């Protein structure tokens, strides 16, 4: 059962790597990098389960959170050219 899950994850990883190398735009490559990070989280969780080491799940959760934040930061940088940009017009919201 776990061998089939591992094989499926490795196939998905190969497809994501192909997409990262051949993606027509930066956003496709960023999405592929996010997919690779998600697959890494799944592999960490599976390895932790198979080896009876529950601390691997904690590492997988932290890595997943870093993956999401990093992907959002990279996409914002490529869209606006600056991570501190307030938006298109620089408007701030007033309560």
N, C-alpha and C. Protein backbone atom coordinates (compact mmCIF):
# COMPACT_ATOMS: atom_id res chain seq x y z
N UNK A 1 0.82 -1.19 0.00
CA UNK A 1 0.00 0.00 0.00
C UNK A 1 0.87 1.26 0.00
N UNK A 2 1.84 1.27 0.91
CA UNK A 2 2.71 2.45 0.98
C UNK A 2 3.68 2.50 -0.20
N UNK A 3 4.00 1.35 -0.74
CA UNK A 3 4.85 1.34 -1.93
C UNK A 3 4.11 1.98 -3.11
N UNK A 4 2.83 1.72 -3.24
CA UNK A 4 2.05 2.32 -4.32
C UNK A 4 1.91 3.83 -4.10
N UNK A 5 1.72 4.24 -2.86
CA UNK A 5 1.62 5.68 -2.57
C UNK A 5 2.95 6.38 -2.84
N UNK A 6 4.04 5.73 -2.48
CA UNK A 6 5.36 6.31 -2.75
C UNK A 6 5.62 6.41 -4.26
N UNK A 7 5.23 5.39 -4.99
CA UNK A 7 5.41 5.42 -6.44
C UNK A 7 4.57 6.54 -7.07
N UNK A 8 3.34 6.70 -6.59
CA UNK A 8 2.48 7.76 -7.11
C UNK A 8 3.06 9.14 -6.81
N UNK A 9 3.61 9.30 -5.61
CA UNK A 9 4.24 10.58 -5.27
C UNK A 9 5.48 10.85 -6.11
N UNK A 10 6.24 9.82 -6.40
CA UNK A 10 7.42 10.01 -7.24
C UNK A 10 7.05 10.35 -8.69
N UNK A 11 5.97 9.76 -9.18
CA UNK A 11 5.49 10.11 -10.52
C UNK A 11 5.02 11.57 -10.54
N UNK A 12 4.28 11.97 -9.50
CA UNK A 12 3.82 13.35 -9.42
C UNK A 12 4.99 14.31 -9.30
N UNK A 13 6.02 13.90 -8.57
CA UNK A 13 7.22 14.74 -8.44
C UNK A 13 7.93 14.90 -9.78
N UNK A 14 8.00 13.83 -10.54
CA UNK A 14 8.62 13.89 -11.87
C UNK A 14 7.83 14.82 -12.80
N UNK A 15 6.51 14.73 -12.76
CA UNK A 15 5.69 15.61 -13.58
C UNK A 15 5.82 17.07 -13.17
N UNK A 16 5.91 17.32 -11.86
CA UNK A 16 6.07 18.69 -11.38
C UNK A 16 7.44 19.25 -11.76
N UNK A 17 8.47 18.42 -11.69
CA UNK A 17 9.80 18.87 -12.12
C UNK A 17 9.82 19.19 -13.61
N UNK A 18 9.13 18.39 -14.40
CA UNK A 18 9.03 18.66 -15.83
C UNK A 18 8.32 19.98 -16.07
N UNK A 19 7.25 20.21 -15.33
CA UNK A 19 6.50 21.47 -15.47
C UNK A 19 7.36 22.66 -15.04
N UNK A 20 8.17 22.48 -14.00
CA UNK A 20 9.04 23.56 -13.54
C UNK A 20 10.11 23.90 -14.58
N UNK A 21 10.59 22.91 -15.28
CA UNK A 21 11.63 23.16 -16.29
C UNK A 21 11.06 23.70 -17.59
N UNK A 22 9.87 23.24 -17.98
CA UNK A 22 9.32 23.59 -19.28
C UNK A 22 8.18 24.60 -19.23
N UNK A 23 7.86 25.09 -18.04
CA UNK A 23 6.73 26.00 -17.92
C UNK A 23 6.88 27.23 -18.77
N UNK A 24 5.82 27.63 -19.48
CA UNK A 24 5.94 28.77 -20.38
C UNK A 24 6.06 30.12 -19.66
N UNK A 25 5.58 30.21 -18.42
CA UNK A 25 5.66 31.49 -17.72
C UNK A 25 6.23 31.28 -16.32
N UNK A 26 6.56 32.39 -15.69
CA UNK A 26 7.10 32.35 -14.34
C UNK A 26 6.06 31.80 -13.37
N UNK A 27 4.81 32.13 -13.60
CA UNK A 27 3.75 31.68 -12.71
C UNK A 27 3.55 30.17 -12.77
N UNK A 28 3.71 29.58 -13.95
CA UNK A 28 3.65 28.12 -14.07
C UNK A 28 4.80 27.47 -13.30
N UNK A 29 5.96 28.07 -13.37
CA UNK A 29 7.11 27.53 -12.65
C UNK A 29 6.95 27.68 -11.15
N UNK A 30 6.36 28.80 -10.70
CA UNK A 30 6.11 28.98 -9.27
C UNK A 30 5.08 27.97 -8.77
N UNK A 31 4.06 27.71 -9.58
CA UNK A 31 3.06 26.71 -9.20
C UNK A 31 3.69 25.32 -9.13
N UNK A 32 4.59 25.02 -10.05
CA UNK A 32 5.29 23.73 -10.01
C UNK A 32 6.17 23.63 -8.78
N UNK A 33 6.83 24.72 -8.40
CA UNK A 33 7.65 24.71 -7.19
C UNK A 33 6.78 24.50 -5.95
N UNK A 34 5.61 25.10 -5.93
CA UNK A 34 4.68 24.89 -4.81
C UNK A 34 4.22 23.43 -4.77
N UNK A 35 3.98 22.85 -5.92
CA UNK A 35 3.59 21.44 -5.98
C UNK A 35 4.70 20.53 -5.47
N UNK A 36 5.93 20.85 -5.83
CA UNK A 36 7.07 20.07 -5.35
C UNK A 36 7.16 20.17 -3.83
N UNK A 37 6.93 21.35 -3.28
CA UNK A 37 6.93 21.51 -1.83
C UNK A 37 5.82 20.71 -1.15
N UNK A 38 4.66 20.67 -1.78
CA UNK A 38 3.54 19.90 -1.23
C UNK A 38 3.85 18.41 -1.25
N UNK A 39 4.46 17.95 -2.32
CA UNK A 39 4.84 16.54 -2.40
C UNK A 39 5.90 16.21 -1.34
N UNK A 40 6.80 17.15 -1.10
CA UNK A 40 7.81 16.94 -0.05
C UNK A 40 7.15 16.83 1.32
N UNK A 41 6.11 17.62 1.57
CA UNK A 41 5.37 17.52 2.83
C UNK A 41 4.73 16.14 2.96
N UNK A 42 4.13 15.67 1.88
CA UNK A 42 3.51 14.34 1.92
C UNK A 42 4.54 13.24 2.14
N UNK A 43 5.69 13.35 1.49
CA UNK A 43 6.75 12.36 1.69
C UNK A 43 7.28 12.38 3.12
N UNK A 44 7.45 13.58 3.69
CA UNK A 44 7.89 13.67 5.08
C UNK A 44 6.88 13.02 6.03
N UNK A 45 5.61 13.28 5.81
CA UNK A 45 4.59 12.69 6.66
C UNK A 45 4.56 11.17 6.52
N UNK A 46 4.72 10.68 5.31
CA UNK A 46 4.71 9.23 5.10
C UNK A 46 5.94 8.57 5.72
N UNK A 47 7.09 9.19 5.57
CA UNK A 47 8.31 8.63 6.18
C UNK A 47 8.18 8.63 7.70
N UNK A 48 7.63 9.70 8.27
CA UNK A 48 7.41 9.74 9.71
C UNK A 48 6.46 8.66 10.19
N UNK A 49 5.42 8.39 9.40
CA UNK A 49 4.48 7.34 9.77
C UNK A 49 5.13 5.96 9.68
N UNK A 50 5.88 5.73 8.63
CA UNK A 50 6.50 4.41 8.44
C UNK A 50 7.59 4.11 9.46
N UNK A 51 8.29 5.13 9.92
CA UNK A 51 9.37 4.92 10.87
C UNK A 51 8.95 5.15 12.32
N UNK A 52 7.66 5.39 12.55
CA UNK A 52 7.13 5.64 13.90
C UNK A 52 7.80 6.82 14.59
N UNK A 53 7.99 7.89 13.82
CA UNK A 53 8.60 9.10 14.38
C UNK A 53 7.61 10.25 14.16
N UNK A 54 6.79 10.55 15.16
CA UNK A 54 5.76 11.57 15.00
C UNK A 54 6.32 12.98 14.84
N UNK A 55 7.58 13.20 15.21
CA UNK A 55 8.14 14.55 15.04
C UNK A 55 8.32 14.92 13.58
N UNK A 56 8.34 13.94 12.69
CA UNK A 56 8.41 14.24 11.26
C UNK A 56 7.14 14.96 10.80
N UNK A 57 6.02 14.68 11.43
CA UNK A 57 4.78 15.35 11.08
C UNK A 57 4.86 16.83 11.44
N UNK A 58 5.48 17.15 12.57
CA UNK A 58 5.67 18.54 12.95
C UNK A 58 6.56 19.26 11.94
N UNK A 59 7.61 18.61 11.50
CA UNK A 59 8.50 19.19 10.50
C UNK A 59 7.74 19.39 9.19
N UNK A 60 6.91 18.44 8.83
CA UNK A 60 6.14 18.54 7.59
C UNK A 60 5.16 19.71 7.66
N UNK A 61 4.52 19.92 8.80
CA UNK A 61 3.57 21.03 8.94
C UNK A 61 4.29 22.37 8.82
N UNK A 62 5.44 22.50 9.49
CA UNK A 62 6.21 23.75 9.40
C UNK A 62 6.69 23.99 7.97
N UNK A 63 7.16 22.95 7.32
CA UNK A 63 7.61 23.08 5.94
C UNK A 63 6.45 23.47 5.01
N UNK A 64 5.28 22.92 5.26
CA UNK A 64 4.11 23.28 4.46
C UNK A 64 3.73 24.75 4.64
N UNK A 65 3.79 25.25 5.86
CA UNK A 65 3.50 26.66 6.10
C UNK A 65 4.52 27.57 5.42
N UNK A 66 5.79 27.20 5.52
CA UNK A 66 6.83 27.97 4.84
C UNK A 66 6.66 27.93 3.33
N UNK A 67 6.22 26.81 2.83
CA UNK A 67 5.99 26.66 1.39
C UNK A 67 4.90 27.62 0.91
N UNK A 68 3.81 27.71 1.64
CA UNK A 68 2.71 28.59 1.26
C UNK A 68 3.14 30.05 1.33
N UNK A 69 3.78 30.45 2.43
CA UNK A 69 4.20 31.84 2.59
C UNK A 69 5.24 32.21 1.53
N UNK A 70 6.17 31.31 1.26
CA UNK A 70 7.18 31.57 0.25
C UNK A 70 6.59 31.70 -1.14
N UNK A 71 5.63 30.88 -1.47
CA UNK A 71 4.99 30.95 -2.78
C UNK A 71 4.23 32.26 -2.95
N UNK A 72 3.51 32.67 -1.92
CA UNK A 72 2.79 33.95 -1.98
C UNK A 72 3.77 35.11 -2.14
N UNK A 73 4.87 35.07 -1.42
CA UNK A 73 5.86 36.14 -1.52
C UNK A 73 6.48 36.20 -2.92
N UNK A 74 6.82 35.06 -3.48
CA UNK A 74 7.42 35.04 -4.82
C UNK A 74 6.43 35.54 -5.86
N UNK A 75 5.19 35.11 -5.79
CA UNK A 75 4.19 35.55 -6.76
C UNK A 75 3.90 37.04 -6.62
N UNK A 76 3.87 37.55 -5.38
CA UNK A 76 3.66 38.99 -5.20
C UNK A 76 4.84 39.77 -5.76
N UNK A 77 6.05 39.26 -5.56
CA UNK A 77 7.22 39.94 -6.10
C UNK A 77 7.18 40.00 -7.62
N UNK A 78 6.82 38.89 -8.26
CA UNK A 78 6.78 38.88 -9.72
C UNK A 78 5.62 39.71 -10.27
N UNK A 79 4.55 39.85 -9.51
CA UNK A 79 3.43 40.64 -10.00
C UNK A 79 3.68 42.14 -9.82
N UNK A 80 4.17 42.56 -8.64
CA UNK A 80 4.33 43.98 -8.35
C UNK A 80 5.76 44.48 -8.44
N UNK A 81 6.75 43.59 -8.39
CA UNK A 81 8.14 44.01 -8.45
C UNK A 81 8.70 44.45 -7.12
N UNK A 82 7.88 44.38 -6.06
CA UNK A 82 8.30 44.80 -4.74
C UNK A 82 7.43 44.09 -3.72
N UNK A 83 8.04 43.61 -2.65
CA UNK A 83 7.24 42.92 -1.63
C UNK A 83 6.53 43.88 -0.70
N UNK A 84 6.98 45.12 -0.62
CA UNK A 84 6.37 46.09 0.28
C UNK A 84 5.37 47.00 -0.40
N UNK A 85 5.00 46.71 -1.63
CA UNK A 85 4.07 47.56 -2.38
C UNK A 85 2.67 47.44 -1.79
N UNK A 86 2.01 48.57 -1.61
CA UNK A 86 0.67 48.57 -1.02
C UNK A 86 -0.41 48.25 -2.04
N UNK A 87 -0.10 48.22 -3.29
CA UNK A 87 -1.09 47.95 -4.32
C UNK A 87 -0.76 48.75 -5.56
N UNK A 88 -1.71 48.79 -6.47
CA UNK A 88 -1.48 49.49 -7.73
C UNK A 88 -1.33 50.99 -7.54
N UNK A 89 -2.18 51.58 -6.71
CA UNK A 89 -2.20 53.04 -6.57
C UNK A 89 -1.58 53.50 -5.27
N UNK A 90 -1.13 52.58 -4.45
CA UNK A 90 -0.53 52.96 -3.18
C UNK A 90 -1.53 53.45 -2.16
N UNK A 91 -2.80 53.09 -2.34
CA UNK A 91 -3.84 53.56 -1.44
C UNK A 91 -3.79 52.78 -0.14
N UNK A 92 -4.11 53.46 0.93
CA UNK A 92 -4.26 52.80 2.23
C UNK A 92 -5.72 52.83 2.60
N UNK A 93 -6.15 51.83 3.31
CA UNK A 93 -7.56 51.77 3.70
C UNK A 93 -7.79 52.63 4.94
N UNK A 94 -8.85 53.38 4.92
CA UNK A 94 -9.24 54.19 6.06
C UNK A 94 -10.44 53.52 6.73
N UNK A 95 -10.43 53.40 8.07
CA UNK A 95 -11.60 52.77 8.74
C UNK A 95 -12.80 53.67 8.75
